[in-house]
Structure formats: C-alpha cells, structure tokens
C-alpha cells in the first residue's frame, strides 16, 4: 500500500506528472505509480509499487 503525502506530490510535479486534489486522488496516485512501473527499465524489473512510492518520497525532499 502506498502512502500519498506532500513529498510524493512534489516528486510527481518534478517528473512532470499531474495529480489534482479532486475526489479519488489516492486511486489516481496508484494509477500513476502503475504507469511508472510499466515504464521501468529492465534493471528495475524487481521494483514494486511500494519501491516507487518510497522513491517518490525521497525525490520529493523535505
């Protein structure tokens, strides 16, 4: 299960991805994570949705 927060929001914006605050945000967030997983490189094949979520947290900074 992913944890959506302001750091993840900043990371998505840094990556040029939009996530509005409309109803259903968490579902759309998970959809964006799924999209990122589809685009992963062969060396990243073992990454899970949680790995992407954690990466977004760190990209988003403090």
C-alpha atoms as a PDB file:
ATOM      1  CA  UNK A   1       0.000   0.000   0.000  1.00  0.00           C
ATOM      2  CA  UNK A   2       1.416   3.367  -0.990  1.00  0.00           C
ATOM      3  CA  UNK A   3       1.398   6.411   1.253  1.00  0.00           C
ATOM      4  CA  UNK A   4       0.447   9.605  -0.537  1.00  0.00           C
ATOM      5  CA  UNK A   5       1.853  12.798   1.000  1.00  0.00           C
ATOM      6  CA  UNK A   6       3.174  16.237   0.038  1.00  0.00           C
ATOM      7  CA  UNK A   7       6.632  14.831  -0.736  1.00  0.00           C
ATOM      8  CA  UNK A   8       5.131  12.414  -3.251  1.00  0.00           C
ATOM      9  CA  UNK A   9       3.148  15.314  -4.733  1.00  0.00           C
ATOM     10  CA  UNK A  10       6.346  17.377  -5.194  1.00  0.00           C
ATOM     11  CA  UNK A  11       8.108  14.397  -6.766  1.00  0.00           C
ATOM     12  CA  UNK A  12       5.295  13.867  -9.254  1.00  0.00           C
ATOM     13  CA  UNK A  13       5.423  17.548 -10.207  1.00  0.00           C
ATOM     14  CA  UNK A  14       9.210  17.272 -10.638  1.00  0.00           C
ATOM     15  CA  UNK A  15       8.597  14.380 -13.018  1.00  0.00           C
ATOM     16  CA  UNK A  16       6.029  16.411 -14.949  1.00  0.00           C
ATOM     17  CA  UNK A  17       3.080  14.355 -13.714  1.00  0.00           C
ATOM     18  CA  UNK A  18      -0.149  15.954 -12.533  1.00  0.00           C
ATOM     19  CA  UNK A  19      -2.219  14.767  -9.603  1.00  0.00           C
ATOM     20  CA  UNK A  20      -5.120  17.048  -8.728  1.00  0.00           C
ATOM     21  CA  UNK A  21      -6.865  17.144  -5.372  1.00  0.00           C
ATOM     22  CA  UNK A  22     -10.197  16.102  -6.894  1.00  0.00           C
ATOM     23  CA  UNK A  23     -12.116  13.237  -5.310  1.00  0.00           C
ATOM     24  CA  UNK A  24     -10.412   9.882  -5.878  1.00  0.00           C
ATOM     25  CA  UNK A  25      -6.871  11.235  -5.579  1.00  0.00           C
ATOM     26  CA  UNK A  26      -5.456   8.094  -3.953  1.00  0.00           C
ATOM     27  CA  UNK A  27      -6.745   5.888  -6.760  1.00  0.00           C
ATOM     28  CA  UNK A  28      -5.218   8.219  -9.351  1.00  0.00           C
ATOM     29  CA  UNK A  29      -1.961   8.236  -7.367  1.00  0.00           C
ATOM     30  CA  UNK A  30      -1.860   4.439  -7.530  1.00  0.00           C
ATOM     31  CA  UNK A  31      -2.575   4.674 -11.259  1.00  0.00           C
ATOM     32  CA  UNK A  32       0.432   6.960 -11.701  1.00  0.00           C
ATOM     33  CA  UNK A  33       2.578   4.513  -9.751  1.00  0.00           C
ATOM     34  CA  UNK A  34       1.363   1.710 -12.038  1.00  0.00           C
ATOM     35  CA  UNK A  35       2.255   3.844 -15.078  1.00  0.00           C
ATOM     36  CA  UNK A  36       5.752   4.411 -13.682  1.00  0.00           C
ATOM     37  CA  UNK A  37       6.151   0.669 -13.116  1.00  0.00           C
ATOM     38  CA  UNK A  38       5.199  -0.032 -16.725  1.00  0.00           C
ATOM     39  CA  UNK A  39       7.944   2.350 -17.919  1.00  0.00           C
ATOM     40  CA  UNK A  40      10.697   0.926 -15.697  1.00  0.00           C
ATOM     41  CA  UNK A  41      13.979  -0.194 -17.200  1.00  0.00           C
ATOM     42  CA  UNK A  42      14.972  -3.867 -17.385  1.00  0.00           C
ATOM     43  CA  UNK A  43      17.356  -3.325 -14.463  1.00  0.00           C
ATOM     44  CA  UNK A  44      14.365  -2.148 -12.381  1.00  0.00           C
ATOM     45  CA  UNK A  45      12.109  -5.176 -13.074  1.00  0.00           C
ATOM     46  CA  UNK A  46      12.099  -6.223  -9.422  1.00  0.00           C
ATOM     47  CA  UNK A  47      10.719  -2.837  -8.293  1.00  0.00           C
ATOM     48  CA  UNK A  48       7.300  -2.932  -6.671  1.00  0.00           C
ATOM     49  CA  UNK A  49       4.662  -0.222  -6.294  1.00  0.00           C
ATOM     50  CA  UNK A  50       5.969   0.337  -2.767  1.00  0.00           C
ATOM     51  CA  UNK A  51       9.508   0.842  -4.120  1.00  0.00           C
ATOM     52  CA  UNK A  52       8.224   3.524  -6.495  1.00  0.00           C
ATOM     53  CA  UNK A  53       6.251   5.130  -3.665  1.00  0.00           C
ATOM     54  CA  UNK A  54       9.376   5.280  -1.475  1.00  0.00           C
ATOM     55  CA  UNK A  55      11.397   6.716  -4.363  1.00  0.00           C
ATOM     56  CA  UNK A  56       8.783   9.451  -4.830  1.00  0.00           C
ATOM     57  CA  UNK A  57       9.010  10.228  -1.111  1.00  0.00           C
ATOM     58  CA  UNK A  58      12.789  10.713  -1.364  1.00  0.00           C
ATOM     59  CA  UNK A  59      12.629  12.651  -4.646  1.00  0.00           C
ATOM     60  CA  UNK A  60      10.081  14.995  -3.042  1.00  0.00           C
ATOM     61  CA  UNK A  61      12.602  16.107  -0.398  1.00  0.00           C
ATOM     62  CA  UNK A  62      11.930  17.609   2.982  1.00  0.00           C
END
